[in-house]
């Protein structure tokens, strides 16, 4: 997808994608309940590299409910509702995506890795363990080599599980993919600062739309 003209709806969807992925990282790392529809939407977002529209990246908008809720809390006026860990994850993701965008070699590895995972998904299914392991390996070979590395907090007994490690790395790759979408839609370093109120209003509208369609 080429860079699009900045559109608040598109930016809100991309930002929700970032927050959804990192929120699911939090839940997975601590062994809390995780909405599998939201997880599937994240995987769909990675593999759907040539969508018809921004709205179609994650499939049905209802699959982004978790991310829209998290984004609404983070951008809202109630400081007590904000999660600083979630903010740290999201800010780091946006920073790493900018570094990644300048590294053609890593981008090629990611592209090839996604192609492989897409073929596996056609055979096994979108969230099969083999697909998740491939995407996790793609993340490990590329984004994990960039600095700063994302340090995930959670229960050590849970984080030591290889399947959980694969899921977390895949979700971080999904967050990076949403950060790519954010940039393609015109998002930049100052967008959150300068368009915060407008973005929040659009996110709330999208959340209502997602809940009605869910």
N, C-alpha and C. Protein backbone atom coordinates (compact mmCIF):
# COMPACT_ATOMS: atom_id res chain seq x y z
N UNK A 1 0.85 -1.19 0.00
CA UNK A 1 0.00 0.00 0.00
C UNK A 1 0.88 1.24 0.00
N UNK A 2 0.61 2.16 -0.92
CA UNK A 2 1.37 3.40 -0.97
C UNK A 2 0.87 4.35 0.11
N UNK A 3 1.62 5.43 0.31
CA UNK A 3 1.19 6.39 1.31
C UNK A 3 -0.13 7.03 0.89
N UNK A 4 -1.05 7.09 1.82
CA UNK A 4 -2.38 7.64 1.54
C UNK A 4 -2.47 9.07 2.06
N UNK A 5 -3.43 9.79 1.55
CA UNK A 5 -3.73 11.10 2.09
C UNK A 5 -4.23 10.93 3.52
N UNK A 6 -3.73 11.76 4.43
CA UNK A 6 -4.10 11.64 5.84
C UNK A 6 -5.62 11.69 6.00
N UNK A 7 -6.16 10.72 6.70
CA UNK A 7 -7.59 10.61 6.94
C UNK A 7 -7.76 10.17 8.38
N UNK A 8 -8.55 10.90 9.16
CA UNK A 8 -8.65 10.62 10.59
C UNK A 8 -9.18 9.22 10.85
N UNK A 9 -10.14 8.76 10.06
CA UNK A 9 -10.67 7.41 10.24
C UNK A 9 -9.57 6.37 10.02
N UNK A 10 -8.80 6.54 8.97
CA UNK A 10 -7.72 5.60 8.68
C UNK A 10 -6.67 5.61 9.78
N UNK A 11 -6.30 6.81 10.24
CA UNK A 11 -5.33 6.93 11.32
C UNK A 11 -5.84 6.26 12.59
N UNK A 12 -7.13 6.44 12.88
CA UNK A 12 -7.72 5.85 14.08
C UNK A 12 -7.69 4.32 14.01
N UNK A 13 -7.98 3.77 12.84
CA UNK A 13 -7.95 2.32 12.67
C UNK A 13 -6.52 1.79 12.86
N UNK A 14 -5.55 2.48 12.25
CA UNK A 14 -4.15 2.05 12.39
C UNK A 14 -3.70 2.11 13.85
N UNK A 15 -4.04 3.20 14.54
CA UNK A 15 -3.65 3.35 15.94
C UNK A 15 -4.31 2.29 16.80
N UNK A 16 -5.57 2.00 16.53
CA UNK A 16 -6.26 0.93 17.26
C UNK A 16 -5.57 -0.40 17.04
N UNK A 17 -5.05 -0.62 15.83
CA UNK A 17 -4.32 -1.85 15.55
C UNK A 17 -3.07 -1.98 16.40
N UNK A 18 -2.35 -0.86 16.56
CA UNK A 18 -1.16 -0.86 17.42
C UNK A 18 -1.55 -1.20 18.85
N UNK A 19 -2.54 -0.48 19.38
CA UNK A 19 -2.93 -0.67 20.77
C UNK A 19 -3.54 -2.05 21.01
N UNK A 20 -4.24 -2.58 20.01
CA UNK A 20 -4.81 -3.92 20.18
C UNK A 20 -3.71 -4.96 20.33
N UNK A 21 -2.72 -4.88 19.47
CA UNK A 21 -1.63 -5.87 19.52
C UNK A 21 -0.87 -5.81 20.84
N UNK A 22 -0.53 -4.59 21.29
CA UNK A 22 0.25 -4.51 22.54
C UNK A 22 -0.62 -4.83 23.75
N UNK A 23 -1.91 -4.55 23.68
CA UNK A 23 -2.81 -4.94 24.78
C UNK A 23 -2.88 -6.45 24.87
N UNK A 24 -2.94 -7.13 23.73
CA UNK A 24 -2.96 -8.59 23.74
C UNK A 24 -1.63 -9.17 24.21
N UNK A 25 -0.54 -8.45 23.95
CA UNK A 25 0.76 -8.86 24.51
C UNK A 25 0.69 -8.86 26.03
N UNK A 26 0.15 -7.78 26.59
CA UNK A 26 0.00 -7.69 28.05
C UNK A 26 -0.81 -8.87 28.59
N UNK A 27 -1.95 -9.12 28.00
CA UNK A 27 -2.85 -10.17 28.49
C UNK A 27 -2.20 -11.55 28.35
N UNK A 28 -1.56 -11.79 27.23
CA UNK A 28 -0.91 -13.09 27.00
C UNK A 28 0.22 -13.32 27.98
N UNK A 29 1.01 -12.28 28.23
CA UNK A 29 2.19 -12.41 29.11
C UNK A 29 1.81 -12.64 30.56
N UNK A 30 0.61 -12.21 30.94
CA UNK A 30 0.18 -12.36 32.33
C UNK A 30 -0.84 -13.48 32.52
N UNK A 31 -1.16 -14.18 31.43
CA UNK A 31 -2.09 -15.32 31.53
C UNK A 31 -3.53 -14.92 31.72
N UNK A 32 -3.89 -13.67 31.36
CA UNK A 32 -5.26 -13.22 31.49
C UNK A 32 -6.07 -13.60 30.25
N UNK A 33 -7.39 -13.46 30.38
CA UNK A 33 -8.27 -13.78 29.26
C UNK A 33 -7.94 -12.90 28.07
N UNK A 34 -7.85 -13.52 26.91
CA UNK A 34 -7.55 -12.82 25.67
C UNK A 34 -8.64 -13.12 24.65
N UNK A 35 -9.20 -12.09 24.05
CA UNK A 35 -10.23 -12.25 23.03
C UNK A 35 -9.60 -12.84 21.77
N UNK A 36 -9.99 -14.06 21.43
CA UNK A 36 -9.39 -14.72 20.28
C UNK A 36 -9.81 -14.09 18.96
N UNK A 37 -10.96 -13.43 18.94
CA UNK A 37 -11.35 -12.69 17.74
C UNK A 37 -10.37 -11.55 17.49
N UNK A 38 -9.96 -10.89 18.55
CA UNK A 38 -8.98 -9.81 18.45
C UNK A 38 -7.62 -10.36 18.00
N UNK A 39 -7.24 -11.52 18.52
CA UNK A 39 -5.98 -12.15 18.13
C UNK A 39 -6.00 -12.49 16.64
N UNK A 40 -7.10 -13.05 16.19
CA UNK A 40 -7.24 -13.41 14.77
C UNK A 40 -7.16 -12.17 13.88
N UNK A 41 -7.77 -11.07 14.34
CA UNK A 41 -7.72 -9.83 13.57
C UNK A 41 -6.28 -9.33 13.43
N UNK A 42 -5.49 -9.50 14.47
CA UNK A 42 -4.07 -9.11 14.41
C UNK A 42 -3.31 -9.93 13.37
N UNK A 43 -3.56 -11.23 13.36
CA UNK A 43 -2.89 -12.10 12.38
C UNK A 43 -3.34 -11.74 10.98
N UNK A 44 -4.62 -11.51 10.83
CA UNK A 44 -5.16 -11.11 9.53
C UNK A 44 -4.50 -9.82 9.04
N UNK A 45 -4.26 -8.91 9.99
CA UNK A 45 -3.61 -7.65 9.65
C UNK A 45 -2.20 -7.84 9.12
N UNK A 46 -1.47 -8.81 9.68
CA UNK A 46 -0.12 -9.09 9.20
C UNK A 46 -0.15 -9.65 7.79
N UNK A 47 -1.01 -10.63 7.56
CA UNK A 47 -1.01 -11.36 6.30
C UNK A 47 -1.69 -10.60 5.17
N UNK A 48 -2.58 -9.67 5.53
CA UNK A 48 -3.33 -8.91 4.53
C UNK A 48 -2.51 -7.71 4.09
N UNK A 49 -1.51 -7.95 3.26
CA UNK A 49 -0.58 -6.90 2.87
C UNK A 49 -1.04 -6.09 1.66
N UNK A 50 -2.11 -6.52 1.01
CA UNK A 50 -2.62 -5.80 -0.16
C UNK A 50 -4.14 -5.64 -0.04
N UNK A 51 -4.58 -4.94 1.00
CA UNK A 51 -6.03 -4.82 1.25
C UNK A 51 -6.70 -3.88 0.26
N UNK A 52 -8.01 -4.06 0.08
CA UNK A 52 -8.77 -3.18 -0.79
C UNK A 52 -8.92 -1.78 -0.18
N UNK A 53 -8.90 -1.72 1.14
CA UNK A 53 -9.04 -0.44 1.83
C UNK A 53 -8.45 -0.57 3.23
N UNK A 54 -8.28 0.55 3.91
CA UNK A 54 -7.79 0.53 5.29
C UNK A 54 -8.78 -0.22 6.18
N UNK A 55 -10.07 -0.01 5.95
CA UNK A 55 -11.10 -0.69 6.74
C UNK A 55 -10.98 -2.21 6.64
N UNK A 56 -10.44 -2.71 5.52
CA UNK A 56 -10.40 -4.15 5.27
C UNK A 56 -9.15 -4.83 5.83
N UNK A 57 -8.20 -4.04 6.34
CA UNK A 57 -6.92 -4.62 6.78
C UNK A 57 -7.13 -5.72 7.83
N UNK A 58 -7.96 -5.44 8.82
CA UNK A 58 -8.13 -6.37 9.94
C UNK A 58 -9.39 -7.23 9.80
N UNK A 59 -10.06 -7.14 8.66
CA UNK A 59 -11.32 -7.85 8.51
C UNK A 59 -12.44 -6.96 9.04
N UNK A 60 -13.43 -7.56 9.64
CA UNK A 60 -14.56 -6.81 10.18
C UNK A 60 -14.11 -5.88 11.31
N UNK A 61 -14.67 -4.70 11.35
CA UNK A 61 -14.28 -3.70 12.36
C UNK A 61 -14.49 -4.20 13.78
N UNK A 62 -15.44 -5.13 13.98
CA UNK A 62 -15.69 -5.67 15.31
C UNK A 62 -14.46 -6.38 15.87
N UNK A 63 -13.59 -6.85 15.00
CA UNK A 63 -12.37 -7.50 15.46
C UNK A 63 -11.38 -6.55 16.08
N UNK A 64 -11.61 -5.23 15.93
CA UNK A 64 -10.71 -4.22 16.50
C UNK A 64 -11.24 -3.62 17.79
N UNK A 65 -12.30 -4.20 18.35
CA UNK A 65 -12.91 -3.62 19.55
C UNK A 65 -11.92 -3.45 20.69
N UNK A 66 -11.11 -4.47 20.93
CA UNK A 66 -10.11 -4.40 22.01
C UNK A 66 -9.17 -3.21 21.81
N UNK A 67 -8.70 -3.03 20.59
CA UNK A 67 -7.78 -1.93 20.30
C UNK A 67 -8.43 -0.57 20.38
N UNK A 68 -9.66 -0.48 19.91
CA UNK A 68 -10.38 0.79 19.98
C UNK A 68 -10.65 1.19 21.43
N UNK A 69 -11.01 0.20 22.25
CA UNK A 69 -11.23 0.48 23.68
C UNK A 69 -9.94 0.96 24.34
N UNK A 70 -8.84 0.27 24.04
CA UNK A 70 -7.55 0.66 24.64
C UNK A 70 -7.12 2.05 24.16
N UNK A 71 -7.29 2.32 22.87
CA UNK A 71 -6.90 3.62 22.33
C UNK A 71 -7.74 4.74 22.94
N UNK A 72 -9.03 4.48 23.13
CA UNK A 72 -9.92 5.48 23.73
C UNK A 72 -9.47 5.81 25.15
N UNK A 73 -9.09 4.79 25.92
CA UNK A 73 -8.61 5.03 27.29
C UNK A 73 -7.29 5.81 27.28
N UNK A 74 -6.39 5.43 26.39
CA UNK A 74 -5.07 6.05 26.38
C UNK A 74 -5.12 7.50 25.92
N UNK A 75 -6.03 7.83 25.03
CA UNK A 75 -6.13 9.19 24.52
C UNK A 75 -7.13 10.05 25.30
N UNK A 76 -7.87 9.41 26.19
CA UNK A 76 -8.89 10.12 26.95
C UNK A 76 -8.32 11.09 27.96
N UNK A 77 -9.20 11.88 28.55
CA UNK A 77 -8.77 12.93 29.49
C UNK A 77 -8.56 12.41 30.91
N UNK A 78 -9.08 11.20 31.20
CA UNK A 78 -8.94 10.65 32.55
C UNK A 78 -7.58 9.96 32.70
N UNK A 79 -6.68 10.60 33.42
CA UNK A 79 -5.34 10.04 33.57
C UNK A 79 -5.37 8.69 34.27
N UNK A 80 -6.35 8.49 35.16
CA UNK A 80 -6.43 7.23 35.90
C UNK A 80 -6.73 6.06 34.98
N UNK A 81 -7.30 6.33 33.81
CA UNK A 81 -7.64 5.26 32.87
C UNK A 81 -6.45 4.83 32.02
N UNK A 82 -5.40 5.63 32.01
CA UNK A 82 -4.26 5.36 31.13
C UNK A 82 -3.33 4.32 31.74
N UNK A 83 -2.74 3.52 30.87
CA UNK A 83 -1.81 2.47 31.26
C UNK A 83 -0.44 2.86 30.71
N UNK A 84 0.49 3.23 31.59
CA UNK A 84 1.79 3.71 31.14
C UNK A 84 2.61 2.62 30.46
N UNK A 85 2.42 1.38 30.89
CA UNK A 85 3.12 0.28 30.23
C UNK A 85 2.65 0.15 28.78
N UNK A 86 1.34 0.27 28.58
CA UNK A 86 0.79 0.19 27.24
C UNK A 86 1.31 1.34 26.37
N UNK A 87 1.40 2.52 26.96
CA UNK A 87 1.95 3.67 26.25
C UNK A 87 3.40 3.42 25.85
N UNK A 88 4.16 2.86 26.79
CA UNK A 88 5.58 2.58 26.50
C UNK A 88 5.71 1.60 25.34
N UNK A 89 4.92 0.55 25.36
CA UNK A 89 4.95 -0.42 24.26
C UNK A 89 4.63 0.26 22.93
N UNK A 90 3.55 1.06 22.91
CA UNK A 90 3.10 1.67 21.66
C UNK A 90 4.12 2.67 21.13
N UNK A 91 4.67 3.50 22.00
CA UNK A 91 5.66 4.49 21.58
C UNK A 91 6.91 3.80 21.02
N UNK A 92 7.34 2.73 21.67
CA UNK A 92 8.51 1.98 21.20
C UNK A 92 8.24 1.35 19.84
N UNK A 93 7.05 0.82 19.66
CA UNK A 93 6.67 0.21 18.38
C UNK A 93 6.74 1.25 17.25
N UNK A 94 6.18 2.43 17.48
CA UNK A 94 6.20 3.48 16.46
C UNK A 94 7.63 3.91 16.13
N UNK A 95 8.48 3.95 17.15
CA UNK A 95 9.88 4.31 16.94
C UNK A 95 10.60 3.22 16.14
N UNK A 96 10.40 1.96 16.50
CA UNK A 96 11.06 0.87 15.82
C UNK A 96 10.61 0.77 14.36
N UNK A 97 9.34 1.07 14.10
CA UNK A 97 8.87 1.01 12.71
C UNK A 97 9.60 2.03 11.85
N UNK A 98 9.88 3.20 12.41
CA UNK A 98 10.61 4.21 11.64
C UNK A 98 12.02 3.72 11.31
N UNK A 99 12.65 3.05 12.26
CA UNK A 99 13.99 2.49 12.02
C UNK A 99 13.90 1.37 10.98
N UNK A 100 12.89 0.52 11.13
CA UNK A 100 12.72 -0.60 10.21
C UNK A 100 12.52 -0.11 8.78
N UNK A 101 11.77 0.96 8.61
CA UNK A 101 11.45 1.49 7.28
C UNK A 101 12.70 1.90 6.51
N UNK A 102 13.80 2.15 7.20
CA UNK A 102 15.04 2.55 6.56
C UNK A 102 15.96 1.36 6.26
N UNK A 103 15.53 0.16 6.64
CA UNK A 103 16.38 -1.03 6.50
C UNK A 103 15.78 -1.98 5.47
N UNK A 104 16.22 -1.85 4.22
CA UNK A 104 15.65 -2.63 3.13
C UNK A 104 15.86 -4.13 3.33
N UNK A 105 17.01 -4.52 3.87
CA UNK A 105 17.31 -5.95 4.06
C UNK A 105 16.32 -6.60 5.02
N UNK A 106 16.04 -5.91 6.14
CA UNK A 106 15.09 -6.46 7.11
C UNK A 106 13.67 -6.48 6.54
N UNK A 107 13.31 -5.46 5.78
CA UNK A 107 11.99 -5.42 5.17
C UNK A 107 11.80 -6.59 4.21
N UNK A 108 12.85 -6.94 3.48
CA UNK A 108 12.76 -8.07 2.55
C UNK A 108 12.58 -9.39 3.30
N UNK A 109 13.28 -9.54 4.42
CA UNK A 109 13.13 -10.76 5.23
C UNK A 109 11.70 -10.86 5.76
N UNK A 110 11.17 -9.75 6.23
CA UNK A 110 9.80 -9.75 6.74
C UNK A 110 8.81 -10.10 5.63
N UNK A 111 9.01 -9.51 4.47
CA UNK A 111 8.12 -9.78 3.34
C UNK A 111 8.12 -11.27 2.98
N UNK A 112 9.31 -11.85 2.91
CA UNK A 112 9.41 -13.28 2.60
C UNK A 112 8.80 -14.14 3.70
N UNK A 113 9.00 -13.73 4.95
CA UNK A 113 8.44 -14.48 6.07
C UNK A 113 6.92 -14.44 6.07
N UNK A 114 6.36 -13.30 5.73
CA UNK A 114 4.90 -13.18 5.67
C UNK A 114 4.35 -14.02 4.53
N UNK A 115 5.05 -14.03 3.40
CA UNK A 115 4.62 -14.88 2.28
C UNK A 115 4.58 -16.35 2.69
N UNK A 116 5.60 -16.79 3.42
CA UNK A 116 5.64 -18.17 3.89
C UNK A 116 4.49 -18.45 4.84
N UNK A 117 4.26 -17.55 5.79
CA UNK A 117 3.18 -17.74 6.76
C UNK A 117 1.82 -17.73 6.08
N UNK A 118 1.67 -16.91 5.06
CA UNK A 118 0.39 -16.85 4.34
C UNK A 118 0.10 -18.20 3.66
N UNK A 119 1.12 -18.81 3.08
CA UNK A 119 0.95 -20.14 2.47
C UNK A 119 0.58 -21.18 3.52
N UNK A 120 1.20 -21.10 4.68
CA UNK A 120 0.88 -22.03 5.76
C UNK A 120 -0.55 -21.82 6.23
N UNK A 121 -0.96 -20.55 6.33
CA UNK A 121 -2.32 -20.25 6.80
C UNK A 121 -3.37 -20.80 5.85
N UNK A 122 -3.08 -20.80 4.55
CA UNK A 122 -4.02 -21.35 3.58
C UNK A 122 -4.21 -22.85 3.77
N UNK A 123 -3.18 -23.50 4.28
CA UNK A 123 -3.22 -24.96 4.48
C UNK A 123 -3.71 -25.33 5.88
N UNK A 124 -3.16 -24.66 6.91
CA UNK A 124 -3.44 -25.03 8.30
C UNK A 124 -4.57 -24.21 8.94
N UNK A 125 -4.71 -22.97 8.52
CA UNK A 125 -5.63 -22.06 9.19
C UNK A 125 -4.87 -20.87 9.75
N UNK A 126 -5.58 -19.75 9.90
CA UNK A 126 -4.95 -18.47 10.20
C UNK A 126 -4.15 -18.46 11.50
N UNK A 127 -4.66 -19.11 12.55
CA UNK A 127 -4.00 -19.03 13.86
C UNK A 127 -3.37 -20.35 14.27
N UNK A 128 -3.09 -21.22 13.31
CA UNK A 128 -2.44 -22.49 13.62
C UNK A 128 -1.05 -22.24 14.21
N UNK A 129 -0.61 -23.15 15.06
CA UNK A 129 0.68 -23.00 15.74
C UNK A 129 1.84 -22.84 14.76
N UNK A 130 1.77 -23.51 13.62
CA UNK A 130 2.84 -23.41 12.63
C UNK A 130 2.92 -22.00 12.03
N UNK A 131 1.76 -21.41 11.80
CA UNK A 131 1.71 -20.04 11.28
C UNK A 131 2.28 -19.06 12.31
N UNK A 132 1.85 -19.22 13.56
CA UNK A 132 2.33 -18.34 14.63
C UNK A 132 3.84 -18.48 14.82
N UNK A 133 4.33 -19.71 14.76
CA UNK A 133 5.77 -19.94 14.92
C UNK A 133 6.56 -19.28 13.79
N UNK A 134 6.04 -19.33 12.57
CA UNK A 134 6.72 -18.71 11.43
C UNK A 134 6.77 -17.19 11.58
N UNK A 135 5.66 -16.61 11.98
CA UNK A 135 5.62 -15.16 12.16
C UNK A 135 6.51 -14.72 13.32
N UNK A 136 6.53 -15.54 14.37
CA UNK A 136 7.41 -15.24 15.52
C UNK A 136 8.87 -15.27 15.11
N UNK A 137 9.23 -16.25 14.29
CA UNK A 137 10.61 -16.36 13.81
C UNK A 137 10.97 -15.17 12.93
N UNK A 138 10.00 -14.72 12.16
CA UNK A 138 10.20 -13.54 11.32
C UNK A 138 10.52 -12.32 12.19
N UNK A 139 9.76 -12.16 13.26
CA UNK A 139 10.01 -11.06 14.19
C UNK A 139 11.40 -11.18 14.83
N UNK A 140 11.73 -12.40 15.25
CA UNK A 140 13.00 -12.63 15.94
C UNK A 140 14.20 -12.31 15.05
N UNK A 141 14.08 -12.64 13.76
CA UNK A 141 15.18 -12.41 12.82
C UNK A 141 15.35 -10.94 12.45
N UNK A 142 14.32 -10.16 12.65
CA UNK A 142 14.35 -8.78 12.13
C UNK A 142 14.20 -7.74 13.23
N UNK A 143 13.02 -7.55 13.70
CA UNK A 143 12.74 -6.46 14.64
C UNK A 143 13.47 -6.65 15.96
N UNK A 144 13.67 -7.90 16.36
CA UNK A 144 14.41 -8.17 17.59
C UNK A 144 15.86 -7.71 17.52
N UNK A 145 16.36 -7.50 16.31
CA UNK A 145 17.76 -7.06 16.16
C UNK A 145 17.89 -5.54 16.28
N UNK A 146 16.76 -4.84 16.26
CA UNK A 146 16.78 -3.38 16.37
C UNK A 146 16.79 -2.96 17.84
N UNK A 147 17.24 -1.74 18.09
CA UNK A 147 17.26 -1.20 19.44
C UNK A 147 16.44 0.08 19.50
N UNK A 148 15.73 0.29 20.59
CA UNK A 148 15.69 -0.55 21.80
C UNK A 148 14.82 -1.78 21.63
N UNK A 149 15.19 -2.86 22.30
CA UNK A 149 14.36 -4.05 22.29
C UNK A 149 13.17 -3.85 23.21
N UNK A 150 12.07 -4.46 22.85
CA UNK A 150 10.87 -4.37 23.69
C UNK A 150 10.96 -5.43 24.78
N UNK A 151 10.98 -4.98 26.03
CA UNK A 151 11.01 -5.89 27.17
C UNK A 151 9.58 -6.08 27.65
N UNK A 152 9.09 -7.31 27.53
CA UNK A 152 7.71 -7.61 27.89
C UNK A 152 7.64 -8.04 29.35
N UNK A 153 6.80 -7.38 30.11
CA UNK A 153 6.58 -7.75 31.51
C UNK A 153 5.47 -8.79 31.60
N UNK A 154 5.58 -9.67 32.59
CA UNK A 154 4.56 -10.69 32.76
C UNK A 154 4.98 -11.73 33.78
N UNK A 155 4.24 -12.81 33.84
CA UNK A 155 4.56 -13.92 34.74
C UNK A 155 5.68 -14.76 34.12
N UNK A 156 6.76 -14.93 34.86
CA UNK A 156 7.92 -15.63 34.30
C UNK A 156 7.60 -17.07 33.90
N UNK A 157 6.77 -17.73 34.67
CA UNK A 157 6.40 -19.11 34.33
C UNK A 157 5.65 -19.16 33.01
N UNK A 158 4.87 -18.13 32.75
CA UNK A 158 4.12 -18.06 31.49
C UNK A 158 5.05 -17.67 30.35
N UNK A 159 5.90 -16.69 30.59
CA UNK A 159 6.81 -16.21 29.55
C UNK A 159 7.83 -17.27 29.12
N UNK A 160 8.06 -18.25 29.98
CA UNK A 160 9.00 -19.31 29.63
C UNK A 160 8.42 -20.35 28.69
N UNK A 161 7.12 -20.30 28.44
CA UNK A 161 6.46 -21.25 27.55
C UNK A 161 6.75 -20.88 26.10
N UNK A 162 7.34 -21.79 25.31
CA UNK A 162 7.68 -21.46 23.91
C UNK A 162 6.48 -21.01 23.08
N UNK A 163 5.31 -21.62 23.31
CA UNK A 163 4.12 -21.21 22.56
C UNK A 163 3.73 -19.78 22.88
N UNK A 164 3.84 -19.41 24.15
CA UNK A 164 3.55 -18.04 24.56
C UNK A 164 4.55 -17.07 23.94
N UNK A 165 5.81 -17.46 23.92
CA UNK A 165 6.84 -16.63 23.30
C UNK A 165 6.52 -16.39 21.82
N UNK A 166 6.08 -17.43 21.14
CA UNK A 166 5.72 -17.29 19.72
C UNK A 166 4.54 -16.32 19.55
N UNK A 167 3.56 -16.46 20.43
CA UNK A 167 2.37 -15.60 20.33
C UNK A 167 2.73 -14.14 20.59
N UNK A 168 3.57 -13.91 21.58
CA UNK A 168 3.96 -12.54 21.91
C UNK A 168 4.76 -11.90 20.77
N UNK A 169 5.71 -12.65 20.22
CA UNK A 169 6.49 -12.10 19.10
C UNK A 169 5.61 -11.83 17.89
N UNK A 170 4.65 -12.71 17.66
CA UNK A 170 3.72 -12.50 16.55
C UNK A 170 2.87 -11.26 16.77
N UNK A 171 2.41 -11.06 17.99
CA UNK A 171 1.63 -9.87 18.31
C UNK A 171 2.46 -8.59 18.17
N UNK A 172 3.72 -8.66 18.53
CA UNK A 172 4.59 -7.50 18.35
C UNK A 172 4.81 -7.21 16.87
N UNK A 173 4.89 -8.26 16.06
CA UNK A 173 4.96 -8.07 14.61
C UNK A 173 3.68 -7.43 14.10
N UNK A 174 2.55 -7.85 14.66
CA UNK A 174 1.26 -7.25 14.28
C UNK A 174 1.23 -5.76 14.65
N UNK A 175 1.81 -5.43 15.79
CA UNK A 175 1.87 -4.03 16.19
C UNK A 175 2.72 -3.22 15.21
N UNK A 176 3.83 -3.79 14.79
CA UNK A 176 4.68 -3.13 13.80
C UNK A 176 3.93 -2.94 12.49
N UNK A 177 3.18 -3.96 12.08
CA UNK A 177 2.41 -3.85 10.84
C UNK A 177 1.41 -2.69 10.94
N UNK A 178 0.77 -2.54 12.09
CA UNK A 178 -0.17 -1.43 12.28
C UNK A 178 0.55 -0.09 12.29
N UNK A 179 1.78 -0.08 12.81
CA UNK A 179 2.58 1.14 12.79
C UNK A 179 2.96 1.52 11.36
N UNK A 180 3.21 0.50 10.53
CA UNK A 180 3.44 0.75 9.10
C UNK A 180 2.20 1.41 8.49
N UNK A 181 1.03 0.85 8.82
CA UNK A 181 -0.22 1.41 8.31
C UNK A 181 -0.40 2.85 8.79
N UNK A 182 -0.08 3.11 10.04
CA UNK A 182 -0.15 4.46 10.62
C UNK A 182 0.67 5.44 9.78
N UNK A 183 1.89 5.07 9.45
CA UNK A 183 2.74 5.94 8.65
C UNK A 183 2.19 6.09 7.23
N UNK A 184 1.72 4.98 6.64
CA UNK A 184 1.17 5.03 5.28
C UNK A 184 -0.07 5.93 5.19
N UNK A 185 -0.77 6.03 6.31
CA UNK A 185 -1.99 6.86 6.35
C UNK A 185 -1.70 8.30 6.73
N UNK A 186 -0.42 8.63 6.85
CA UNK A 186 -0.05 10.01 7.12
C UNK A 186 0.31 10.31 8.56
N UNK A 187 0.35 9.28 9.41
CA UNK A 187 0.70 9.49 10.81
C UNK A 187 2.18 9.76 10.98
N UNK A 188 2.51 10.62 11.93
CA UNK A 188 3.90 10.95 12.19
C UNK A 188 4.14 11.19 13.67
N UNK A 189 5.29 11.73 13.99
CA UNK A 189 5.68 11.91 15.38
C UNK A 189 4.76 12.87 16.13
N UNK A 190 4.26 13.89 15.45
CA UNK A 190 3.47 14.91 16.11
C UNK A 190 1.96 14.71 15.95
N UNK A 191 1.57 13.68 15.21
CA UNK A 191 0.15 13.48 14.91
C UNK A 191 -0.67 13.30 16.18
N UNK A 192 -0.18 12.46 17.10
CA UNK A 192 -0.93 12.22 18.33
C UNK A 192 -1.07 13.50 19.16
N UNK A 193 -0.06 14.33 19.12
CA UNK A 193 -0.09 15.57 19.89
C UNK A 193 -1.04 16.58 19.26
N UNK A 194 -0.94 16.74 17.95
CA UNK A 194 -1.69 17.79 17.25
C UNK A 194 -3.13 17.39 16.93
N UNK A 195 -3.38 16.08 16.81
CA UNK A 195 -4.72 15.62 16.42
C UNK A 195 -5.38 14.74 17.48
N UNK A 196 -4.92 14.85 18.69
CA UNK A 196 -5.39 13.96 19.75
C UNK A 196 -6.92 14.00 19.92
N UNK A 197 -7.48 15.22 20.01
CA UNK A 197 -8.92 15.34 20.25
C UNK A 197 -9.72 14.79 19.07
N UNK A 198 -9.29 15.10 17.86
CA UNK A 198 -9.99 14.61 16.68
C UNK A 198 -9.90 13.09 16.58
N UNK A 199 -8.71 12.56 16.84
CA UNK A 199 -8.54 11.11 16.81
C UNK A 199 -9.41 10.42 17.85
N UNK A 200 -9.46 11.00 19.05
CA UNK A 200 -10.26 10.40 20.11
C UNK A 200 -11.73 10.36 19.72
N UNK A 201 -12.23 11.44 19.14
CA UNK A 201 -13.62 11.46 18.70
C UNK A 201 -13.89 10.40 17.65
N UNK A 202 -12.98 10.24 16.71
CA UNK A 202 -13.16 9.23 15.66
C UNK A 202 -13.07 7.82 16.23
N UNK A 203 -12.15 7.62 17.15
CA UNK A 203 -12.01 6.30 17.78
C UNK A 203 -13.29 5.92 18.52
N UNK A 204 -13.89 6.87 19.20
CA UNK A 204 -15.15 6.59 19.91
C UNK A 204 -16.27 6.27 18.93
N UNK A 205 -16.30 6.97 17.80
CA UNK A 205 -17.30 6.66 16.77
C UNK A 205 -17.09 5.26 16.20
N UNK A 206 -15.83 4.92 15.94
CA UNK A 206 -15.52 3.59 15.42
C UNK A 206 -15.86 2.51 16.44
N UNK A 207 -15.64 2.81 17.72
CA UNK A 207 -15.95 1.84 18.77
C UNK A 207 -17.45 1.55 18.81
N UNK A 208 -18.25 2.58 18.69
CA UNK A 208 -19.69 2.38 18.63
C UNK A 208 -20.08 1.54 17.40
N UNK A 209 -19.42 1.83 16.28
CA UNK A 209 -19.69 1.08 15.05
C UNK A 209 -19.28 -0.39 15.21
N UNK A 210 -18.13 -0.62 15.85
CA UNK A 210 -17.63 -1.97 16.04
C UNK A 210 -18.54 -2.78 16.96
N UNK A 211 -19.04 -2.13 18.01
CA UNK A 211 -19.92 -2.83 18.95
C UNK A 211 -21.26 -3.16 18.31
N UNK A 212 -21.74 -2.29 17.42
CA UNK A 212 -23.00 -2.58 16.74
C UNK A 212 -22.86 -3.74 15.75
N UNK A 213 -21.68 -3.85 15.14
CA UNK A 213 -21.48 -4.90 14.13
C UNK A 213 -21.01 -6.21 14.74
N UNK A 214 -20.59 -6.18 16.02
CA UNK A 214 -20.02 -7.37 16.67
C UNK A 214 -21.07 -8.35 17.11
